[in-house]
């Protein structure tokens, strides 16, 4: 039985080390978000996506962001963000309102309420403890620096604009 790697075209197939690296990253992509979300759900009744929405708003001086910037920060579609922000608004964690828009169309902005700020403040210690347990504490300082270097290099390929570390940071957008 032939396999995909048996073809003789010009494809540069992964060798054993490359395949192991890819499968490790792939497994991390699949399992790490689930492990982080499980703790947030259990301890704070928040999904990881909901938590990141609340965090993004909490880090703004006015606790307000346009949905378009919030969607970019959370790497979600406007539709997904709209559903989540409606749910968070129903829980009293944020307020949604129309925002002035340049050009055509309409825009929505979300503002974190005091209850939403209290929710994210209450959720943060458990989240940080989980991140420490899963990612930070198993690594030495040198390994942490390696992780930063490696993720920066990979993200330069995935997202050359570098939303979080370079010029296009939605958290600093007006």
Protein backbone atom coordinates (compact mmCIF):
# COMPACT_ATOMS: atom_id res chain seq x y z
CA UNK A 1 0.00 0.00 0.00
CA UNK A 2 1.41 3.38 -1.01
CA UNK A 3 1.60 6.25 1.45
CA UNK A 4 1.54 9.98 0.84
CA UNK A 5 5.31 10.18 1.40
CA UNK A 6 5.90 7.53 -1.32
CA UNK A 7 5.10 10.01 -4.09
CA UNK A 8 8.04 11.15 -6.15
CA UNK A 9 7.19 14.77 -6.80
CA UNK A 10 9.24 17.74 -5.56
CA UNK A 11 7.71 17.82 -2.07
CA UNK A 12 10.24 18.12 0.74
CA UNK A 13 8.85 15.53 3.16
CA UNK A 14 9.55 15.83 6.87
CA UNK A 15 12.38 13.71 8.21
CA UNK A 16 12.07 12.01 11.60
CA UNK A 17 13.23 14.99 13.68
CA UNK A 18 11.07 17.43 11.71
CA UNK A 19 8.03 15.17 12.01
CA UNK A 20 8.58 14.82 15.76
CA UNK A 21 8.80 18.62 16.11
CA UNK A 22 5.65 19.14 14.04
CA UNK A 23 3.67 16.49 15.93
CA UNK A 24 4.78 17.98 19.25
CA UNK A 25 3.59 21.43 18.21
CA UNK A 26 0.37 19.95 16.84
CA UNK A 27 -0.33 18.10 20.09
CA UNK A 28 0.39 21.27 22.06
CA UNK A 29 -2.03 23.22 19.83
CA UNK A 30 -4.72 20.64 20.54
CA UNK A 31 -4.20 19.94 24.22
CA UNK A 32 -2.94 23.15 25.85
CA UNK A 33 -6.02 25.30 25.15
CA UNK A 34 -8.26 22.50 26.47
CA UNK A 35 -6.21 22.22 29.67
CA UNK A 36 -6.35 25.99 30.20
CA UNK A 37 -10.05 26.15 29.42
CA UNK A 38 -10.92 23.26 31.76
CA UNK A 39 -9.53 25.19 34.74
CA UNK A 40 -11.31 28.39 33.75
CA UNK A 41 -14.61 26.55 33.28
CA UNK A 42 -14.26 24.66 36.56
CA UNK A 43 -13.13 27.56 38.73
CA UNK A 44 -14.68 30.62 37.08
CA UNK A 45 -17.44 29.38 34.75
CA UNK A 46 -15.69 31.09 31.82
CA UNK A 47 -14.47 29.74 28.50
CA UNK A 48 -10.93 30.63 27.49
CA UNK A 49 -12.37 32.89 24.78
CA UNK A 50 -14.63 34.69 27.26
CA UNK A 51 -11.71 35.13 29.65
CA UNK A 52 -9.53 36.63 26.91
CA UNK A 53 -12.32 39.07 25.96
CA UNK A 54 -12.60 40.19 29.58
CA UNK A 55 -8.80 40.42 29.95
CA UNK A 56 -8.46 42.53 26.80
CA UNK A 57 -11.09 44.96 28.04
CA UNK A 58 -9.59 45.05 31.55
CA UNK A 59 -6.21 46.09 30.17
CA UNK A 60 -7.58 49.19 28.44
CA UNK A 61 -7.55 52.40 30.53
CA UNK A 62 -11.21 53.02 29.67
CA UNK A 63 -12.08 49.28 29.61
CA UNK A 64 -13.52 49.78 26.11
CA UNK A 65 -12.65 48.35 22.69
CA UNK A 66 -14.27 48.22 19.30
CA UNK A 67 -15.45 44.75 18.39
CA UNK A 68 -13.15 44.75 15.35
CA UNK A 69 -10.04 45.25 17.54
CA UNK A 70 -11.32 42.81 20.15
CA UNK A 71 -11.91 40.17 17.48
CA UNK A 72 -8.35 40.63 16.18
CA UNK A 73 -6.92 40.35 19.70
CA UNK A 74 -8.84 37.15 20.42
CA UNK A 75 -8.28 35.78 16.90
CA UNK A 76 -12.02 35.29 16.55
CA UNK A 77 -14.53 36.25 13.91
CA UNK A 78 -16.82 39.22 14.45
CA UNK A 79 -19.71 36.75 14.50
CA UNK A 80 -18.17 34.67 17.29
CA UNK A 81 -17.28 37.77 19.27
CA UNK A 82 -20.79 39.13 18.82
CA UNK A 83 -22.32 35.95 20.28
CA UNK A 84 -19.87 35.90 23.18
CA UNK A 85 -20.23 39.60 23.94
CA UNK A 86 -24.04 39.26 23.94
CA UNK A 87 -23.74 36.43 26.46
CA UNK A 88 -21.28 38.41 28.61
CA UNK A 89 -23.59 41.43 28.43
CA UNK A 90 -26.54 39.30 29.58
CA UNK A 91 -24.44 38.28 32.58
CA UNK A 92 -23.70 41.93 33.34
CA UNK A 93 -19.97 41.67 32.56
CA UNK A 94 -19.92 44.14 29.68
CA UNK A 95 -22.04 46.71 27.89
CA UNK A 96 -22.37 46.74 24.11
CA UNK A 97 -23.09 49.94 22.26
CA UNK A 98 -22.83 51.48 18.84
CA UNK A 99 -19.51 53.14 18.10
CA UNK A 100 -18.83 55.95 15.64
CA UNK A 101 -17.44 54.49 12.45
CA UNK A 102 -15.43 56.11 9.71
CA UNK A 103 -16.81 55.38 6.29
CA UNK A 104 -19.73 53.04 5.73
CA UNK A 105 -21.15 50.38 7.97
CA UNK A 106 -21.74 50.16 11.66
CA UNK A 107 -19.47 49.37 14.52
CA UNK A 108 -19.98 48.05 18.02
CA UNK A 109 -17.86 48.64 21.06
CA UNK A 110 -17.75 46.71 24.29
CA UNK A 111 -17.12 48.22 27.71
CA UNK A 112 -16.24 46.13 30.72
CA UNK A 113 -18.54 46.74 33.68
CA UNK A 114 -17.45 46.76 37.31
CA UNK A 115 -18.95 43.27 37.62
CA UNK A 116 -16.93 42.15 34.58
CA UNK A 117 -13.76 43.61 36.05
CA UNK A 118 -14.46 41.82 39.34
CA UNK A 119 -15.04 38.57 37.39
CA UNK A 120 -11.70 38.77 35.57
CA UNK A 121 -9.87 39.79 38.76
CA UNK A 122 -11.38 36.79 40.56
CA UNK A 123 -10.51 34.41 37.69
CA UNK A 124 -6.94 35.64 37.17
CA UNK A 125 -5.18 33.98 40.15
CA UNK A 126 -6.42 30.50 39.23
CA UNK A 127 -5.61 31.07 35.56
CA UNK A 128 -2.09 32.27 36.37
CA UNK A 129 -1.51 29.31 38.71
CA UNK A 130 -2.62 26.96 35.93
CA UNK A 131 -0.38 28.66 33.35
CA UNK A 132 2.52 28.45 35.80
CA UNK A 133 1.83 24.76 36.41
CA UNK A 134 1.43 23.84 32.74
CA UNK A 135 4.01 26.09 31.05
CA UNK A 136 6.23 28.23 33.25
CA UNK A 137 7.32 26.08 36.20
CA UNK A 138 8.42 22.99 34.21
CA UNK A 139 10.95 25.16 32.34
CA UNK A 140 14.19 26.82 33.39
CA UNK A 141 14.76 30.54 32.76
CA UNK A 142 16.95 29.61 29.81
CA UNK A 143 14.25 27.34 28.39
CA UNK A 144 11.66 30.12 28.83
CA UNK A 145 13.91 32.42 26.79
CA UNK A 146 14.15 29.66 24.16
CA UNK A 147 10.35 29.37 24.07
CA UNK A 148 10.04 33.13 23.50
CA UNK A 149 12.64 33.01 20.74
CA UNK A 150 11.08 29.98 19.06
CA UNK A 151 7.51 31.23 19.24
CA UNK A 152 8.60 34.65 17.94
CA UNK A 153 10.26 33.03 14.93
CA UNK A 154 7.27 30.80 14.18
CA UNK A 155 4.78 33.63 14.68
CA UNK A 156 6.82 35.82 12.30
CA UNK A 157 5.87 33.23 9.65
CA UNK A 158 2.27 32.80 10.79
CA UNK A 159 1.54 36.47 11.45
CA UNK A 160 4.26 38.79 10.14
CA UNK A 161 2.46 41.83 11.58
CA UNK A 162 2.97 40.41 15.07
CA UNK A 163 -0.22 41.59 16.76
CA UNK A 164 0.94 41.26 20.38
CA UNK A 165 4.60 42.18 20.23
CA UNK A 166 4.85 44.51 17.27
CA UNK A 167 3.05 47.55 15.89
CA UNK A 168 -0.42 46.08 15.31
CA UNK A 169 -1.50 45.53 18.92
CA UNK A 170 -5.29 45.80 19.25
CA UNK A 171 -4.91 46.55 22.96
CA UNK A 172 -3.34 49.92 22.13
CA UNK A 173 -5.79 50.76 19.35
CA UNK A 174 -8.33 53.52 19.89
